[in-house]
Amino acid sequence: MLFCLVLLAVLFFRSPISKISEIQFQGNVFATKEQLLQAGEFNVDDQFFGVSAATLEAKLLDVKSVQNVTVDKHFPGVIQIQIQEYITVAYELGQEGSLMAILSNGVMVPVNKSGIAIEKPILTQWNPTDPYKLELSQVLGAIPNQLTSDISEIMPSPTVSFPDRIKLYTRSKFEVITAVSLLKDKVEYLNQVIETEEPGLITMLEADSYVPFQPVDSESENGDGTTNNE
């Protein structure tokens, strides 16, 4: 009897039914299937029972863009993997001019056209090692998308009093001065001003202020004080 059981076990583990026949990834945008397979150290034709779901989840979490993983195994041979990646909070141009997505954990990943969310801001003039850049990524990730969708550009503008001060530009033509540490608490005020006022300069530091831009006269003056009207 024991010999028969051993023989059946040997035959089973040598048969195609004991191997992984299909691997399904869902939810991954930035991490490719090849990257995930390499990180998980598994592939089709590996032993189905030689792959632990818990171990596989732990390995896939080492991929920088991945926030959560759920692995479901379905005998015979099918492994389904649900990937949740960190959300995109902004974009930045890479050293070679390629567009990079900045995720809410501060990681930068290359994107293709299908992965672009046009309502996200562009970060400009940031030093890659600036600690406030990571903090900004985390802050943007914690703010509801509808409150940041009008922001088109964010650049550093530090001062002695506010080393994390930043300057923002909006699609609705406002210029905004605030700080990374204040943005989450001040963003609702920003949207209130944008919705009710004409374009201008908004300052959101220890105190909040709004100054409308001076309208440009259609009749521009010449150097001698005369106008261009004829």
Protein backbone atom coordinates (compact mmCIF):
# COMPACT_ATOMS: atom_id res chain seq x y z
CA MET A 1 0.00 0.00 0.00
CA LEU A 2 2.75 2.44 0.95
CA PHE A 3 4.59 1.66 -2.26
CA CYS A 4 1.44 2.42 -4.28
CA LEU A 5 0.96 5.75 -2.52
CA VAL A 6 4.57 6.73 -3.17
CA LEU A 7 4.24 5.71 -6.80
CA LEU A 8 1.05 7.73 -7.22
CA ALA A 9 2.71 10.76 -5.62
CA VAL A 10 5.69 10.49 -7.96
CA LEU A 11 3.44 10.17 -10.98
CA PHE A 12 1.32 13.12 -9.85
CA PHE A 13 4.22 15.50 -9.37
CA ARG A 14 5.60 14.53 -12.77
CA SER A 15 2.28 15.09 -14.51
CA PRO A 16 1.18 18.40 -16.10
CA ILE A 17 -1.72 18.67 -13.63
CA SER A 18 0.73 19.30 -10.77
CA LYS A 19 2.28 22.34 -12.46
CA ILE A 20 1.31 25.98 -12.83
CA SER A 21 -0.55 26.27 -16.13
CA GLU A 22 -1.71 29.90 -16.00
CA ILE A 23 -0.76 33.08 -14.10
CA GLN A 24 -3.21 35.98 -14.15
CA PHE A 25 -2.19 39.49 -13.02
CA GLN A 26 -4.81 42.19 -12.47
CA GLY A 27 -4.48 45.83 -11.41
CA ASN A 28 -0.84 46.42 -12.32
CA VAL A 29 -0.19 49.55 -14.39
CA PHE A 30 3.47 50.38 -13.81
CA ALA A 31 4.90 46.99 -12.84
CA THR A 32 5.09 44.72 -15.88
CA LYS A 33 4.23 41.03 -15.84
CA GLU A 34 7.90 40.23 -16.40
CA GLN A 35 8.96 42.34 -13.39
CA LEU A 36 6.37 40.68 -11.18
CA LEU A 37 7.35 37.18 -12.27
CA GLN A 38 11.01 37.97 -11.60
CA ALA A 39 10.23 39.42 -8.17
CA GLY A 40 8.04 36.46 -7.26
CA GLU A 41 10.61 33.95 -8.53
CA PHE A 42 7.98 31.75 -10.16
CA ASN A 43 6.61 31.00 -13.62
CA VAL A 44 4.41 28.71 -15.67
CA ASP A 45 5.43 25.02 -15.40
CA ASP A 46 6.71 25.45 -11.83
CA GLN A 47 5.19 23.11 -9.25
CA PHE A 48 1.75 24.41 -8.27
CA PHE A 49 2.07 23.20 -4.67
CA GLY A 50 5.63 24.48 -4.47
CA VAL A 51 4.42 28.08 -4.51
CA SER A 52 3.07 29.47 -1.24
CA ALA A 53 0.51 32.28 -1.57
CA ALA A 54 1.84 34.06 1.54
CA THR A 55 5.46 33.83 0.38
CA LEU A 56 4.51 35.05 -3.07
CA GLU A 57 2.64 38.04 -1.65
CA ALA A 58 5.65 39.01 0.47
CA LYS A 59 8.00 38.84 -2.52
CA LEU A 60 5.74 40.92 -4.77
CA LEU A 61 5.51 43.64 -2.12
CA ASP A 62 9.23 44.26 -2.76
CA VAL A 63 8.27 45.79 -6.13
CA LYS A 64 8.47 49.54 -5.46
CA SER A 65 5.17 50.48 -7.11
CA VAL A 66 3.18 47.74 -5.34
CA GLN A 67 1.21 48.62 -2.21
CA ASN A 68 -0.93 45.50 -1.67
CA VAL A 69 -1.10 41.99 -3.17
CA THR A 70 -3.68 39.22 -2.96
CA VAL A 71 -2.80 35.77 -4.32
CA ASP A 72 -5.47 33.14 -4.99
CA LYS A 73 -4.56 29.62 -6.10
CA HIS A 74 -7.10 27.53 -8.02
CA PHE A 75 -6.34 23.87 -8.62
CA PRO A 76 -5.48 22.70 -11.16
CA GLY A 77 -2.72 25.08 -12.13
CA VAL A 78 -4.21 28.58 -12.02
CA ILE A 79 -2.78 31.42 -9.91
CA GLN A 80 -4.68 34.72 -9.80
CA ILE A 81 -2.86 37.78 -8.45
CA GLN A 82 -4.57 41.08 -7.67
CA ILE A 83 -2.12 43.99 -7.57
CA GLN A 84 -2.81 47.35 -5.94
CA GLU A 85 -0.19 49.95 -6.77
CA TYR A 86 0.47 53.25 -5.04
CA ILE A 87 -1.55 56.03 -6.64
CA THR A 88 -0.03 58.57 -9.01
CA VAL A 89 0.10 62.01 -7.38
CA ALA A 90 2.21 63.99 -9.88
CA TYR A 91 4.52 63.79 -12.89
CA GLU A 92 8.07 64.92 -13.56
CA LEU A 93 10.34 64.92 -16.59
CA GLY A 94 13.22 62.48 -16.26
CA GLN A 95 16.84 63.26 -17.09
CA GLU A 96 16.38 62.11 -20.68
CA GLY A 97 13.10 63.96 -21.13
CA SER A 98 10.90 60.94 -20.51
CA LEU A 99 7.76 61.40 -18.43
CA MET A 100 7.91 59.85 -14.97
CA ALA A 101 5.01 59.26 -12.60
CA ILE A 102 5.53 60.12 -8.94
CA LEU A 103 3.63 57.75 -6.68
CA SER A 104 2.26 58.49 -3.22
CA ASN A 105 5.23 56.69 -1.64
CA GLY A 106 7.66 58.99 -3.48
CA VAL A 107 8.80 56.38 -6.00
CA MET A 108 9.27 57.51 -9.60
CA VAL A 109 8.29 55.11 -12.38
CA PRO A 110 8.23 55.53 -16.18
CA VAL A 111 4.81 55.83 -17.77
CA ASN A 112 3.33 55.27 -21.18
CA LYS A 113 0.53 57.31 -22.73
CA SER A 114 -2.18 55.00 -21.42
CA GLY A 115 -0.99 55.54 -17.86
CA ILE A 116 -1.21 59.35 -17.82
CA ALA A 117 -3.78 61.04 -15.59
CA ILE A 118 -4.02 64.53 -17.05
CA GLU A 119 -5.44 66.11 -13.88
CA LYS A 120 -2.20 65.53 -11.93
CA PRO A 121 0.37 68.35 -11.45
CA ILE A 122 3.87 68.49 -12.90
CA LEU A 123 6.76 68.91 -10.44
CA THR A 124 9.50 71.23 -11.70
CA GLN A 125 12.91 72.36 -10.39
CA TRP A 126 13.02 69.74 -7.63
CA ASN A 127 16.28 68.23 -6.41
CA PRO A 128 15.92 64.42 -6.45
CA THR A 129 17.28 64.26 -2.88
CA ASP A 130 15.04 67.00 -1.48
CA PRO A 131 13.27 65.43 1.53
CA TYR A 132 10.28 67.71 1.01
CA LYS A 133 9.66 66.10 -2.36
CA LEU A 134 8.87 62.78 -0.66
CA GLU A 135 6.76 64.59 1.93
CA LEU A 136 4.88 66.39 -0.85
CA SER A 137 4.16 63.06 -2.56
CA GLN A 138 2.69 61.69 0.65
CA VAL A 139 0.62 64.83 1.24
CA LEU A 140 -0.79 64.80 -2.29
CA GLY A 141 -1.69 61.14 -1.87
CA ALA A 142 -3.73 61.99 1.23
CA ILE A 143 -5.77 64.76 -0.46
CA PRO A 144 -8.93 63.85 -2.43
CA ASN A 145 -8.31 64.09 -6.17
CA GLN A 146 -11.07 66.66 -6.72
CA LEU A 147 -9.24 69.13 -4.47
CA THR A 148 -5.97 68.98 -6.43
CA SER A 149 -7.23 68.54 -10.00
CA ASP A 150 -6.80 72.27 -10.79
CA ILE A 151 -3.12 72.34 -9.77
CA SER A 152 -0.94 72.22 -12.88
CA GLU A 153 2.59 72.79 -11.52
CA ILE A 154 4.41 72.69 -8.18
CA MET A 155 7.94 73.98 -7.59
CA PRO A 156 10.05 74.52 -4.46
CA SER A 157 10.30 78.07 -3.14
CA PRO A 158 12.02 77.76 0.27
CA THR A 159 12.69 80.57 2.71
CA VAL A 160 14.40 80.68 6.11
CA SER A 161 11.03 80.77 7.86
CA PHE A 162 9.46 78.13 5.62
CA PRO A 163 12.08 75.70 4.27
CA ASP A 164 9.25 73.61 2.80
CA ARG A 165 7.60 76.55 1.05
CA ILE A 166 6.28 75.80 -2.43
CA LYS A 167 4.80 77.72 -5.33
CA LEU A 168 1.81 76.33 -7.21
CA TYR A 169 0.22 77.28 -10.50
CA THR A 170 -3.33 76.31 -11.36
CA ARG A 171 -5.11 75.63 -14.62
CA SER A 172 -7.49 78.45 -13.73
CA LYS A 173 -4.55 80.94 -13.82
CA PHE A 174 -3.94 81.39 -10.08
CA GLU A 175 -0.51 81.56 -8.45
CA VAL A 176 -0.31 80.06 -4.97
CA ILE A 177 2.27 80.33 -2.19
CA THR A 178 2.06 77.76 0.60
CA ALA A 179 4.14 75.07 2.35
CA VAL A 180 4.21 71.31 2.02
CA SER A 181 3.31 70.92 5.69
CA LEU A 182 0.30 73.25 5.30
CA LEU A 183 -1.09 72.12 1.96
CA LYS A 184 -3.44 69.43 3.25
CA ASP A 185 -5.10 71.81 5.72
CA LYS A 186 -5.19 74.77 3.32
CA VAL A 187 -6.35 73.11 0.09
CA GLU A 188 -10.07 73.60 0.80
CA TYR A 189 -9.51 77.35 1.18
CA LEU A 190 -7.62 77.30 -2.12
CA ASN A 191 -10.57 75.73 -3.91
CA GLN A 192 -13.03 78.18 -2.34
CA VAL A 193 -11.04 81.12 -3.71
CA ILE A 194 -10.62 79.54 -7.14
CA GLU A 195 -14.36 78.92 -7.42
CA THR A 196 -15.43 82.43 -6.38
CA GLU A 197 -12.70 84.88 -7.36
CA GLU A 198 -10.87 86.10 -10.44
CA PRO A 199 -7.29 84.86 -11.01
CA GLY A 200 -4.78 86.26 -8.56
CA LEU A 201 -2.10 85.51 -5.98
CA ILE A 202 -3.17 83.28 -3.10
CA THR A 203 -0.92 83.04 -0.04
CA MET A 204 -1.59 80.21 2.40
CA LEU A 205 1.03 80.30 5.14
CA GLU A 206 0.44 81.33 8.76
CA ALA A 207 -2.30 83.60 7.44
CA ASP A 208 -4.30 83.34 4.24
CA SER A 209 -4.64 86.14 1.70
CA TYR A 210 -5.82 86.70 -1.83
CA VAL A 211 -4.84 89.54 -4.14
CA PRO A 212 -6.34 89.66 -7.65
CA PHE A 213 -4.02 90.22 -10.56
CA GLN A 214 -4.18 93.69 -12.06
CA PRO A 215 -6.01 93.58 -15.39
CA VAL A 216 -3.92 94.36 -18.45
CA ASP A 217 -5.36 97.40 -20.23
CA SER A 218 -6.21 96.84 -23.84
CA GLU A 219 -4.77 100.30 -24.50
CA SER A 220 -1.05 100.01 -23.77
CA GLU A 221 0.89 103.19 -23.11
CA ASN A 222 3.91 104.27 -25.13
CA GLY A 223 7.03 105.59 -23.47
CA ASP A 224 5.94 109.23 -23.96
CA GLY A 225 2.67 108.70 -22.11
CA THR A 226 0.53 108.44 -25.24
CA THR A 227 -1.55 105.40 -26.10
CA ASN A 228 -1.75 103.27 -29.20
CA ASN A 229 -5.33 104.33 -29.93
CA GLU A 230 -5.82 105.86 -33.30
